[in-house]
Amino acid sequence: MAQTDVPFNPGNGHRPETLRAGDPGIEPDEFGEALRLLIRSKLNDGRLPYDSMPRFWGGPGDGEQCDVCDTLITKEQLVMEGIASVFTSKKPVQFHVRCFYAWDAERRLPQS
């Protein structure tokens, strides 16, 4: 499939990065696969931590940027925020709820 500049946002129905804007609707497996590949890429290049988060919390979004999909977390969505035990950035890591669970599952897989 063709690459696109349309951002991946599990919260608002935008297409994953690996799909072209205007393509027919995507199947759940394609959606999950695109999210998994995006997370794997960010884990491999250090933009997301492999380490667990000893502390995290959630609440209503307020325009935060999701560290997985790089889109805003709106007031209608929930944000998951945590501090990684070993992550070079001092700021908390912020996720859409779906992105958080996908990151947590993907980081536990063997590193490639």
Protein backbone atom coordinates (compact mmCIF):
# COMPACT_ATOMS: atom_id res chain seq x y z
CA MET A 1 0.00 0.00 0.00
CA ALA A 2 1.10 3.55 -0.65
CA GLN A 3 2.53 5.86 2.00
CA THR A 4 0.66 9.02 2.97
CA ASP A 5 0.99 12.08 5.15
CA VAL A 6 -2.41 11.44 6.75
CA PRO A 7 -1.72 10.90 10.47
CA PHE A 8 -2.77 7.76 12.30
CA ASN A 9 -5.28 8.58 15.03
CA PRO A 10 -7.15 5.74 16.68
CA GLY A 11 -9.38 8.27 18.40
CA ASN A 12 -10.91 10.01 15.40
CA GLY A 13 -11.00 7.47 12.59
CA HIS A 14 -8.14 8.83 10.46
CA ARG A 15 -6.38 6.25 8.36
CA PRO A 16 -3.14 4.59 9.51
CA GLU A 17 0.06 6.01 8.04
CA THR A 18 0.45 3.03 5.73
CA LEU A 19 -2.83 3.70 3.92
CA ARG A 20 -3.65 6.35 1.35
CA ALA A 21 -6.28 8.93 2.24
CA GLY A 22 -9.50 8.06 0.45
CA ASP A 23 -8.83 4.30 0.36
CA PRO A 24 -11.88 2.18 1.15
CA GLY A 25 -12.49 1.44 4.83
CA ILE A 26 -9.83 -0.60 6.54
CA GLU A 27 -10.35 -3.90 8.27
CA PRO A 28 -9.57 -4.15 12.01
CA ASP A 29 -6.56 -6.39 11.28
CA GLU A 30 -5.07 -3.74 8.96
CA PHE A 31 -5.70 -1.03 11.55
CA GLY A 32 -3.99 -3.07 14.26
CA GLU A 33 -1.10 -4.01 11.98
CA ALA A 34 -0.46 -0.39 11.03
CA LEU A 35 -0.46 0.60 14.70
CA ARG A 36 1.87 -2.29 15.56
CA LEU A 37 4.34 -1.33 12.83
CA LEU A 38 4.33 2.31 13.89
CA ILE A 39 4.99 1.35 17.51
CA ARG A 40 7.74 -1.10 16.50
CA SER A 41 9.45 1.62 14.48
CA LYS A 42 9.34 4.06 17.40
CA LEU A 43 10.56 1.42 19.86
CA ASN A 44 13.48 0.55 17.57
CA ASP A 45 14.62 4.14 17.10
CA GLY A 46 14.11 5.18 20.74
CA ARG A 47 11.10 7.46 20.32
CA LEU A 48 9.13 5.13 22.63
CA PRO A 49 10.52 3.33 25.67
CA TYR A 50 10.83 -0.44 25.95
CA ASP A 51 10.81 -0.19 29.73
CA SER A 52 7.67 -0.46 31.78
CA MET A 53 6.14 2.55 33.47
CA PRO A 54 6.08 2.16 37.22
CA ARG A 55 3.56 5.02 37.44
CA PHE A 56 0.85 5.95 35.00
CA TRP A 57 -2.53 7.59 35.20
CA GLY A 58 -5.42 8.49 32.93
CA GLY A 59 -8.00 11.18 32.51
CA PRO A 60 -9.74 13.37 29.96
CA GLY A 61 -7.57 14.61 27.15
CA ASP A 62 -6.79 18.31 26.78
CA GLY A 63 -4.96 18.59 23.48
CA GLU A 64 -1.94 16.47 24.42
CA GLN A 65 -0.02 14.84 21.57
CA CYS A 66 -0.02 11.04 21.56
CA ASP A 67 3.56 9.75 21.52
CA VAL A 68 2.51 6.76 19.41
CA CYS A 69 0.43 8.27 16.62
CA ASP A 70 1.50 11.95 16.92
CA THR A 71 -2.08 13.23 16.86
CA LEU A 72 -3.94 15.25 19.46
CA ILE A 73 -5.86 13.63 22.28
CA THR A 74 -9.09 15.60 22.43
CA LYS A 75 -11.30 16.42 25.39
CA GLU A 76 -13.68 13.72 24.18
CA GLN A 77 -10.92 11.10 24.50
CA LEU A 78 -8.99 9.69 27.43
CA VAL A 79 -5.26 10.20 27.80
CA MET A 80 -2.94 7.64 29.43
CA GLU A 81 0.17 9.31 30.79
CA GLY A 82 3.18 7.80 32.47
CA ILE A 83 6.81 8.23 33.35
CA ALA A 84 9.09 5.57 31.91
CA SER A 85 11.66 4.13 34.30
CA VAL A 86 14.46 4.61 31.75
CA PHE A 87 13.58 7.11 29.02
CA THR A 88 15.77 10.02 28.00
CA SER A 89 12.92 12.51 27.81
CA LYS A 90 11.97 14.21 31.07
CA LYS A 91 8.36 14.72 30.01
CA PRO A 92 5.70 12.09 30.67
CA VAL A 93 4.82 9.77 27.80
CA GLN A 94 1.25 10.33 26.61
CA PHE A 95 -1.03 7.93 24.74
CA HIS A 96 -4.54 7.41 23.48
CA VAL A 97 -5.92 4.46 25.46
CA ARG A 98 -5.73 2.12 22.43
CA CYS A 99 -2.19 3.30 21.67
CA PHE A 100 -1.18 2.65 25.30
CA TYR A 101 -2.41 -0.93 25.24
CA ALA A 102 -0.86 -1.56 21.82
CA TRP A 103 2.49 -0.11 23.02
CA ASP A 104 2.40 -2.21 26.18
CA ALA A 105 1.81 -5.41 24.19
CA GLU A 106 4.37 -4.58 21.50
CA ARG A 107 7.17 -3.62 23.89
CA ARG A 108 6.92 -7.06 25.53
CA LEU A 109 7.67 -8.88 22.27
CA PRO A 110 11.28 -9.84 21.48
CA GLN A 111 13.23 -6.87 20.11
CA SER A 112 14.02 -6.98 16.40
